[in-house]
Protein backbone atom coordinates (compact mmCIF):
# COMPACT_ATOMS: atom_id res chain seq x y z
CA UNK A 1 0.00 0.00 0.00
CA UNK A 2 2.92 2.32 0.72
CA UNK A 3 3.91 2.19 -2.94
CA UNK A 4 0.35 3.11 -3.97
CA UNK A 5 0.32 6.06 -1.59
CA UNK A 6 3.65 7.32 -2.91
CA UNK A 7 2.46 7.01 -6.52
CA UNK A 8 -0.69 9.01 -5.72
CA UNK A 9 1.38 11.63 -3.88
CA UNK A 10 3.65 11.95 -6.92
CA UNK A 11 0.62 12.79 -9.05
CA UNK A 12 -0.40 15.58 -6.63
CA UNK A 13 3.01 16.87 -5.46
CA UNK A 14 6.55 17.19 -6.72
CA UNK A 15 8.39 14.75 -4.53
CA UNK A 16 11.56 12.73 -4.73
CA UNK A 17 11.31 9.30 -3.18
CA UNK A 18 14.07 7.07 -1.93
CA UNK A 19 13.19 3.55 -0.87
CA UNK A 20 15.52 1.98 1.66
CA UNK A 21 15.18 -1.70 2.43
CA UNK A 22 14.76 -2.56 6.10
CA UNK A 23 14.99 -6.09 7.42
CA UNK A 24 12.22 -5.92 10.00
CA UNK A 25 12.65 -9.49 11.25
CA UNK A 26 16.30 -10.54 10.80
CA UNK A 27 15.63 -13.45 13.15
CA UNK A 28 13.32 -15.08 10.58
CA UNK A 29 14.76 -18.46 9.61
CA UNK A 30 16.18 -18.72 6.08
CA UNK A 31 13.26 -21.01 5.21
CA UNK A 32 10.73 -18.43 6.43
CA UNK A 33 7.97 -18.91 8.99
CA UNK A 34 4.20 -19.30 9.04
CA UNK A 35 2.57 -16.04 10.12
CA UNK A 36 0.31 -18.02 12.48
CA UNK A 37 3.41 -19.19 14.36
CA UNK A 38 4.81 -15.68 14.57
CA UNK A 39 1.51 -13.96 15.38
CA UNK A 40 -0.95 -16.61 16.62
CA UNK A 41 -3.61 -14.04 17.54
CA UNK A 42 -3.89 -12.68 13.99
CA UNK A 43 -6.98 -13.52 11.92
CA UNK A 44 -5.37 -13.87 8.48
CA UNK A 45 -8.68 -13.71 6.62
CA UNK A 46 -9.64 -10.47 8.36
CA UNK A 47 -6.16 -9.06 7.79
CA UNK A 48 -6.40 -9.90 4.09
CA UNK A 49 -9.85 -8.32 3.76
CA UNK A 50 -8.58 -5.15 5.47
CA UNK A 51 -5.49 -5.00 3.27
CA UNK A 52 -7.58 -5.35 0.13
CA UNK A 53 -10.14 -2.79 1.31
CA UNK A 54 -7.38 -0.26 2.03
CA UNK A 55 -5.29 -1.10 -1.03
CA UNK A 56 -8.22 -0.95 -3.45
CA UNK A 57 -8.16 2.84 -3.78
CA UNK A 58 -4.48 2.64 -4.78
CA UNK A 59 -4.93 -0.19 -7.26
CA UNK A 60 -3.15 -2.63 -4.97
CA UNK A 61 -4.50 -6.10 -4.31
CA UNK A 62 -3.27 -8.64 -1.79
CA UNK A 63 -3.37 -12.40 -1.97
CA UNK A 64 -4.02 -14.12 1.35
CA UNK A 65 -0.56 -15.14 2.39
CA UNK A 66 0.12 -17.17 5.51
CA UNK A 67 3.89 -17.22 5.08
CA UNK A 68 6.55 -14.68 6.07
CA UNK A 69 9.73 -15.19 4.06
CA UNK A 70 13.21 -14.29 5.21
CA UNK A 71 13.77 -11.12 3.16
CA UNK A 72 17.57 -10.85 3.50
CA UNK A 73 18.28 -12.11 -0.03
CA UNK A 74 15.46 -10.01 -1.49
CA UNK A 75 17.00 -6.92 0.12
CA UNK A 76 20.44 -7.85 -1.21
CA UNK A 77 18.93 -8.40 -4.67
CA UNK A 78 17.26 -4.99 -4.43
CA UNK A 79 20.63 -3.37 -3.83
CA UNK A 80 22.04 -5.30 -6.79
CA UNK A 81 19.18 -3.90 -8.89
CA UNK A 82 19.91 -0.39 -7.57
CA UNK A 83 23.54 -0.76 -8.69
CA UNK A 84 22.27 -1.52 -12.21
CA UNK A 85 19.65 1.28 -12.24
CA UNK A 86 16.77 -1.19 -12.06
CA UNK A 87 15.75 -0.70 -8.43
CA UNK A 88 12.25 0.61 -9.11
CA UNK A 89 11.46 -2.18 -11.55
CA UNK A 90 12.80 -4.85 -9.20
CA UNK A 91 11.11 -3.30 -6.17
CA UNK A 92 7.76 -3.23 -7.96
CA UNK A 93 8.13 -6.76 -9.31
CA UNK A 94 9.19 -8.19 -5.95
CA UNK A 95 6.29 -6.55 -4.11
CA UNK A 96 3.85 -7.87 -6.69
CA UNK A 97 5.40 -11.34 -6.51
CA UNK A 98 4.93 -11.55 -2.75
CA UNK A 99 1.82 -9.53 -2.00
CA UNK A 100 -0.27 -10.21 -5.12
CA UNK A 101 1.05 -13.55 -6.35
CA UNK A 102 2.05 -15.12 -3.02
CA UNK A 103 5.55 -16.10 -4.16
CA UNK A 104 8.31 -16.86 -1.65
CA UNK A 105 10.71 -13.93 -2.13
CA UNK A 106 13.10 -15.58 0.31
CA UNK A 107 13.78 -18.24 -2.31
CA UNK A 108 16.85 -17.47 -4.41
CA UNK A 109 15.36 -19.04 -7.56
CA UNK A 110 12.27 -16.82 -7.28
CA UNK A 111 14.50 -13.75 -6.96
CA UNK A 112 16.67 -14.79 -9.90
CA UNK A 113 13.61 -15.28 -12.10
CA UNK A 114 12.12 -11.93 -11.06
CA UNK A 115 15.41 -10.21 -11.84
CA UNK A 116 15.61 -11.86 -15.23
CA UNK A 117 12.03 -10.77 -16.00
CA UNK A 118 13.05 -7.12 -15.66
CA UNK A 119 16.28 -7.50 -17.64
CA UNK A 120 18.88 -8.02 -14.93
CA UNK A 121 21.73 -10.49 -15.39
CA UNK A 122 20.51 -13.62 -13.61
CA UNK A 123 23.95 -15.27 -13.44
CA UNK A 124 25.62 -12.14 -12.03
CA UNK A 125 22.87 -11.73 -9.44
CA UNK A 126 23.23 -15.37 -8.39
CA UNK A 127 26.97 -14.90 -7.99
CA UNK A 128 26.49 -11.73 -5.94
CA UNK A 129 23.79 -13.31 -3.75
CA UNK A 130 25.97 -16.36 -3.09
CA UNK A 131 28.88 -14.05 -2.21
CA UNK A 132 26.62 -11.68 -0.22
CA UNK A 133 28.12 -8.77 -2.17
CA UNK A 134 25.41 -6.38 -0.95
CA UNK A 135 25.05 -7.72 2.59
CA UNK A 136 26.99 -4.80 4.04
CA UNK A 137 24.67 -2.28 2.36
CA UNK A 138 21.64 -4.12 3.76
CA UNK A 139 23.21 -4.07 7.22
CA UNK A 140 24.02 -0.35 6.90
CA UNK A 141 20.38 0.31 5.96
CA UNK A 142 19.22 -1.63 9.01
CA UNK A 143 21.62 0.22 11.30
CA UNK A 144 20.47 3.59 9.94
CA UNK A 145 16.81 2.60 10.34
CA UNK A 146 17.32 1.50 13.93
CA UNK A 147 19.23 4.73 14.65
CA UNK A 148 16.23 6.65 13.23
CA UNK A 149 13.78 4.68 15.40
CA UNK A 150 12.19 2.81 12.50
CA UNK A 151 10.31 -0.08 14.10
CA UNK A 152 7.73 -0.94 11.44
CA UNK A 153 7.28 -1.01 7.70
CA UNK A 154 6.42 1.01 5.90
CA UNK A 155 7.82 4.06 7.61
CA UNK A 156 7.81 7.29 5.67
CA UNK A 157 10.21 10.06 6.63
CA UNK A 158 9.32 13.35 5.00
CA UNK A 159 12.06 15.99 4.66
CA UNK A 160 13.84 14.46 7.68
CA UNK A 161 11.15 16.07 9.85
CA UNK A 162 7.91 14.12 9.79
CA UNK A 163 7.60 10.37 10.33
CA UNK A 164 4.51 8.40 9.33
CA UNK A 165 4.42 4.72 10.22
CA UNK A 166 2.11 2.13 8.73
CA UNK A 167 -0.95 2.43 6.57
CA UNK A 168 -2.41 5.87 7.16
CA UNK A 169 -5.11 7.77 5.30
CA UNK A 170 -3.97 9.72 2.28
CA UNK A 171 -5.03 12.93 4.05
CA UNK A 172 -2.32 12.34 6.68
CA UNK A 173 0.33 12.41 3.96
CA UNK A 174 -1.22 15.50 2.35
CA UNK A 175 -1.19 17.30 5.70
CA UNK A 176 2.46 16.38 6.26
CA UNK A 177 3.50 17.60 2.82
CA UNK A 178 1.53 20.82 3.20
CA UNK A 179 3.33 21.46 6.51
CA UNK A 180 6.68 21.03 4.79
CA UNK A 181 5.96 23.20 1.75
CA UNK A 182 4.20 26.11 3.40
CA UNK A 183 6.40 29.21 3.79
């Protein structure tokens, strides 16, 4: 939904966005975990209905997903894509793969195929993921996020002054931007 909000904001305001990957749950096993194990009190059907109701106005749909992947490799692959000026395309494709299609973005083969779909070099990405070439960048992003008190995703930081965490109404973002741009 965050991506949908940003796209709508870009149609109403002149903004420059910078997405920074944040590994919210670094303790997630490499094989991932069932959401019911992580959050047993969550009603996944209700959560999915709420996500779809909120995402609908932004053209975002969510598949009911009961699995939380380990996102470390996806974050490393995102930094690889950034290095080859394909971050936005990879970011969009990866979000769609997980949230809309229910793919396991913690699986290296899924990531390699997504990268190839958008024109990235699959063999080079595989080499860099196996060597953890971008692991340090991912760790730096995490350190910076923790230092800036980011505890949830998405977190939006506007002009280094206003922080908005989670799914908020569009009007909250408009108000924040109006505060920043007024003389």
